[in-house]
Amino acid sequence: MAVSVNAIHAASTNALASGQVSSLVTEARRAAGYSVDDLAVTTGLVNDEIESIENGSDADPAKLKRIAAALKVPASAFYAS
């Protein structure tokens, strides 16, 4: 399943302004058709790490880069520019 980079970028502009990195990660994961378990296997992270990012309690840039790579979206989709 393809993820529209344009859709994520458009969403990221508004979401990053309000500090909603977690919702961008969740949206990108769902758009790619990944479960949390699938993403954990693909990134090498554990479920708890992904859930922490998705609930907003963690925004580790290294983890976000791994997630972006797994979802085949630019890492900048999760960062303020």
N, C-alpha and C. Protein backbone atom coordinates (compact mmCIF):
# COMPACT_ATOMS: atom_id res chain seq x y z
N MET A 1 0.85 -1.17 0.00
CA MET A 1 0.00 0.00 0.00
C MET A 1 0.89 1.23 0.00
N ALA A 2 0.59 2.19 -0.84
CA ALA A 2 1.38 3.41 -0.95
C ALA A 2 0.85 4.47 0.00
N VAL A 3 1.77 5.22 0.54
CA VAL A 3 1.42 6.33 1.41
C VAL A 3 1.66 7.60 0.63
N SER A 4 0.71 8.48 0.64
CA SER A 4 0.86 9.74 -0.06
C SER A 4 1.72 10.69 0.76
N VAL A 5 2.91 10.97 0.28
CA VAL A 5 3.81 11.87 0.97
C VAL A 5 3.19 13.26 1.03
N ASN A 6 2.50 13.66 -0.03
CA ASN A 6 1.86 14.97 -0.03
C ASN A 6 0.81 15.08 1.07
N ALA A 7 0.04 14.04 1.27
CA ALA A 7 -0.99 14.07 2.31
C ALA A 7 -0.36 14.15 3.69
N ILE A 8 0.72 13.41 3.88
CA ILE A 8 1.39 13.45 5.19
C ILE A 8 2.03 14.81 5.38
N HIS A 9 2.66 15.35 4.34
CA HIS A 9 3.29 16.66 4.46
C HIS A 9 2.25 17.73 4.77
N ALA A 10 1.12 17.69 4.10
CA ALA A 10 0.06 18.66 4.36
C ALA A 10 -0.44 18.54 5.79
N ALA A 11 -0.62 17.33 6.27
CA ALA A 11 -1.06 17.12 7.64
C ALA A 11 0.02 17.55 8.62
N SER A 12 1.29 17.34 8.26
CA SER A 12 2.37 17.66 9.18
C SER A 12 2.50 19.16 9.41
N THR A 13 2.18 19.96 8.42
CA THR A 13 2.28 21.40 8.58
C THR A 13 1.39 21.87 9.72
N ASN A 14 0.16 21.40 9.76
CA ASN A 14 -0.75 21.78 10.82
C ASN A 14 -0.44 21.07 12.12
N ALA A 15 -0.14 19.79 12.05
CA ALA A 15 0.06 19.00 13.26
C ALA A 15 1.32 19.42 13.99
N LEU A 16 2.41 19.70 13.28
CA LEU A 16 3.63 20.08 13.94
C LEU A 16 3.49 21.43 14.61
N ALA A 17 2.68 22.30 14.04
CA ALA A 17 2.47 23.60 14.65
C ALA A 17 1.84 23.45 16.02
N SER A 18 1.03 22.44 16.22
CA SER A 18 0.38 22.23 17.51
C SER A 18 1.04 21.10 18.30
N GLY A 19 2.21 20.65 17.87
CA GLY A 19 2.95 19.64 18.60
C GLY A 19 2.34 18.25 18.54
N GLN A 20 1.75 17.88 17.43
CA GLN A 20 1.07 16.60 17.33
C GLN A 20 1.85 15.58 16.51
N VAL A 21 3.13 15.44 16.81
CA VAL A 21 3.96 14.45 16.10
C VAL A 21 3.35 13.07 16.25
N SER A 22 2.81 12.79 17.43
CA SER A 22 2.25 11.47 17.69
C SER A 22 1.13 11.12 16.71
N SER A 23 0.28 12.08 16.40
CA SER A 23 -0.82 11.79 15.47
C SER A 23 -0.31 11.56 14.05
N LEU A 24 0.78 12.23 13.68
CA LEU A 24 1.37 12.01 12.36
C LEU A 24 1.92 10.60 12.24
N VAL A 25 2.57 10.13 13.28
CA VAL A 25 3.12 8.78 13.25
C VAL A 25 1.98 7.77 13.14
N THR A 26 0.95 7.97 13.94
CA THR A 26 -0.20 7.05 13.91
C THR A 26 -0.85 7.06 12.53
N GLU A 27 -1.08 8.24 11.96
CA GLU A 27 -1.70 8.35 10.64
C GLU A 27 -0.85 7.67 9.57
N ALA A 28 0.46 7.90 9.61
CA ALA A 28 1.34 7.30 8.61
C ALA A 28 1.36 5.78 8.75
N ARG A 29 1.37 5.29 9.98
CA ARG A 29 1.37 3.84 10.21
C ARG A 29 0.09 3.22 9.66
N ARG A 30 -1.03 3.82 9.98
CA ARG A 30 -2.32 3.29 9.51
C ARG A 30 -2.44 3.37 7.99
N ALA A 31 -1.97 4.48 7.41
CA ALA A 31 -2.03 4.65 5.96
C ALA A 31 -1.20 3.59 5.25
N ALA A 32 -0.13 3.16 5.89
CA ALA A 32 0.72 2.12 5.30
C ALA A 32 0.17 0.73 5.55
N GLY A 33 -0.88 0.63 6.35
CA GLY A 33 -1.48 -0.66 6.63
C GLY A 33 -0.74 -1.47 7.68
N TYR A 34 0.05 -0.81 8.50
CA TYR A 34 0.82 -1.47 9.54
C TYR A 34 0.07 -1.46 10.87
N SER A 35 0.16 -2.56 11.59
CA SER A 35 -0.26 -2.57 12.99
C SER A 35 0.95 -2.12 13.81
N VAL A 36 0.76 -1.88 15.08
CA VAL A 36 1.89 -1.54 15.95
C VAL A 36 2.88 -2.70 15.95
N ASP A 37 2.38 -3.93 15.99
CA ASP A 37 3.25 -5.11 15.94
C ASP A 37 4.07 -5.14 14.65
N ASP A 38 3.42 -4.89 13.52
CA ASP A 38 4.13 -4.88 12.24
C ASP A 38 5.25 -3.84 12.22
N LEU A 39 4.92 -2.66 12.71
CA LEU A 39 5.91 -1.58 12.72
C LEU A 39 7.06 -1.90 13.66
N ALA A 40 6.75 -2.54 14.77
CA ALA A 40 7.80 -2.92 15.72
C ALA A 40 8.78 -3.89 15.06
N VAL A 41 8.26 -4.87 14.37
CA VAL A 41 9.12 -5.85 13.69
C VAL A 41 9.96 -5.17 12.62
N THR A 42 9.35 -4.28 11.86
CA THR A 42 10.03 -3.62 10.75
C THR A 42 11.12 -2.66 11.24
N THR A 43 10.87 -1.96 12.34
CA THR A 43 11.82 -0.96 12.83
C THR A 43 12.84 -1.51 13.81
N GLY A 44 12.54 -2.65 14.43
CA GLY A 44 13.41 -3.17 15.47
C GLY A 44 13.12 -2.54 16.83
N LEU A 45 12.08 -1.73 16.90
CA LEU A 45 11.65 -1.16 18.17
C LEU A 45 10.67 -2.13 18.82
N VAL A 46 10.42 -1.95 20.09
CA VAL A 46 9.42 -2.78 20.75
C VAL A 46 8.09 -2.05 20.75
N ASN A 47 7.01 -2.78 20.92
CA ASN A 47 5.67 -2.20 20.88
C ASN A 47 5.53 -1.01 21.83
N ASP A 48 6.08 -1.14 23.03
CA ASP A 48 5.97 -0.05 24.01
C ASP A 48 6.61 1.24 23.51
N GLU A 49 7.71 1.13 22.77
CA GLU A 49 8.36 2.33 22.24
C GLU A 49 7.48 3.02 21.21
N ILE A 50 6.88 2.24 20.35
CA ILE A 50 6.00 2.82 19.33
C ILE A 50 4.75 3.41 19.98
N GLU A 51 4.19 2.70 20.93
CA GLU A 51 3.01 3.22 21.62
C GLU A 51 3.33 4.50 22.38
N SER A 52 4.53 4.61 22.95
CA SER A 52 4.94 5.84 23.64
C SER A 52 5.01 7.01 22.67
N ILE A 53 5.49 6.75 21.46
CA ILE A 53 5.55 7.80 20.45
C ILE A 53 4.14 8.18 20.03
N GLU A 54 3.30 7.19 19.81
CA GLU A 54 1.94 7.46 19.34
C GLU A 54 1.06 8.10 20.41
N ASN A 55 1.39 7.92 21.68
CA ASN A 55 0.57 8.58 22.71
C ASN A 55 1.18 9.91 23.15
N GLY A 56 2.29 10.28 22.52
CA GLY A 56 2.87 11.60 22.75
C GLY A 56 3.84 11.69 23.91
N SER A 57 4.19 10.58 24.53
CA SER A 57 5.11 10.65 25.67
C SER A 57 6.58 10.49 25.27
N ASP A 58 6.85 10.23 23.99
CA ASP A 58 8.21 10.08 23.50
C ASP A 58 8.28 10.65 22.09
N ALA A 59 9.34 11.38 21.80
CA ALA A 59 9.54 11.91 20.44
C ALA A 59 11.03 11.81 20.09
N ASP A 60 11.63 10.69 20.44
CA ASP A 60 13.05 10.46 20.18
C ASP A 60 13.32 10.54 18.68
N PRO A 61 14.16 11.49 18.26
CA PRO A 61 14.42 11.65 16.83
C PRO A 61 14.97 10.38 16.16
N ALA A 62 15.78 9.62 16.85
CA ALA A 62 16.33 8.39 16.26
C ALA A 62 15.22 7.39 15.99
N LYS A 63 14.28 7.28 16.90
CA LYS A 63 13.15 6.36 16.71
C LYS A 63 12.25 6.85 15.59
N LEU A 64 12.03 8.15 15.54
CA LEU A 64 11.20 8.71 14.47
C LEU A 64 11.82 8.47 13.10
N LYS A 65 13.14 8.56 13.00
CA LYS A 65 13.81 8.29 11.73
C LYS A 65 13.64 6.83 11.32
N ARG A 66 13.71 5.92 12.28
CA ARG A 66 13.53 4.50 11.98
C ARG A 66 12.10 4.23 11.51
N ILE A 67 11.15 4.89 12.16
CA ILE A 67 9.75 4.72 11.78
C ILE A 67 9.51 5.28 10.38
N ALA A 68 10.05 6.46 10.11
CA ALA A 68 9.89 7.07 8.79
C ALA A 68 10.47 6.17 7.70
N ALA A 69 11.64 5.61 7.96
CA ALA A 69 12.26 4.72 6.97
C ALA A 69 11.40 3.49 6.73
N ALA A 70 10.85 2.92 7.79
CA ALA A 70 10.02 1.72 7.66
C ALA A 70 8.74 2.02 6.89
N LEU A 71 8.20 3.22 7.08
CA LEU A 71 6.95 3.59 6.42
C LEU A 71 7.19 4.22 5.05
N LYS A 72 8.46 4.37 4.70
CA LYS A 72 8.84 4.94 3.40
C LYS A 72 8.30 6.36 3.20
N VAL A 73 8.43 7.15 4.27
CA VAL A 73 8.10 8.57 4.20
C VAL A 73 9.35 9.35 4.62
N PRO A 74 9.48 10.58 4.19
CA PRO A 74 10.66 11.35 4.63
C PRO A 74 10.58 11.61 6.13
N ALA A 75 11.72 11.54 6.79
CA ALA A 75 11.76 11.80 8.23
C ALA A 75 11.27 13.21 8.53
N SER A 76 11.43 14.11 7.59
CA SER A 76 10.98 15.49 7.79
C SER A 76 9.47 15.57 7.96
N ALA A 77 8.73 14.54 7.58
CA ALA A 77 7.28 14.55 7.78
C ALA A 77 6.92 14.59 9.24
N PHE A 78 7.85 14.16 10.12
CA PHE A 78 7.59 14.15 11.55
C PHE A 78 8.26 15.27 12.32
N TYR A 79 8.99 16.15 11.64
CA TYR A 79 9.76 17.19 12.30
C TYR A 79 9.33 18.57 11.86
N ALA A 80 9.46 19.54 12.76
CA ALA A 80 9.25 20.94 12.40
C ALA A 80 10.47 21.39 11.59
N SER A 81 10.22 22.18 10.59
CA SER A 81 11.35 22.63 9.78
C SER A 81 11.77 24.02 10.16
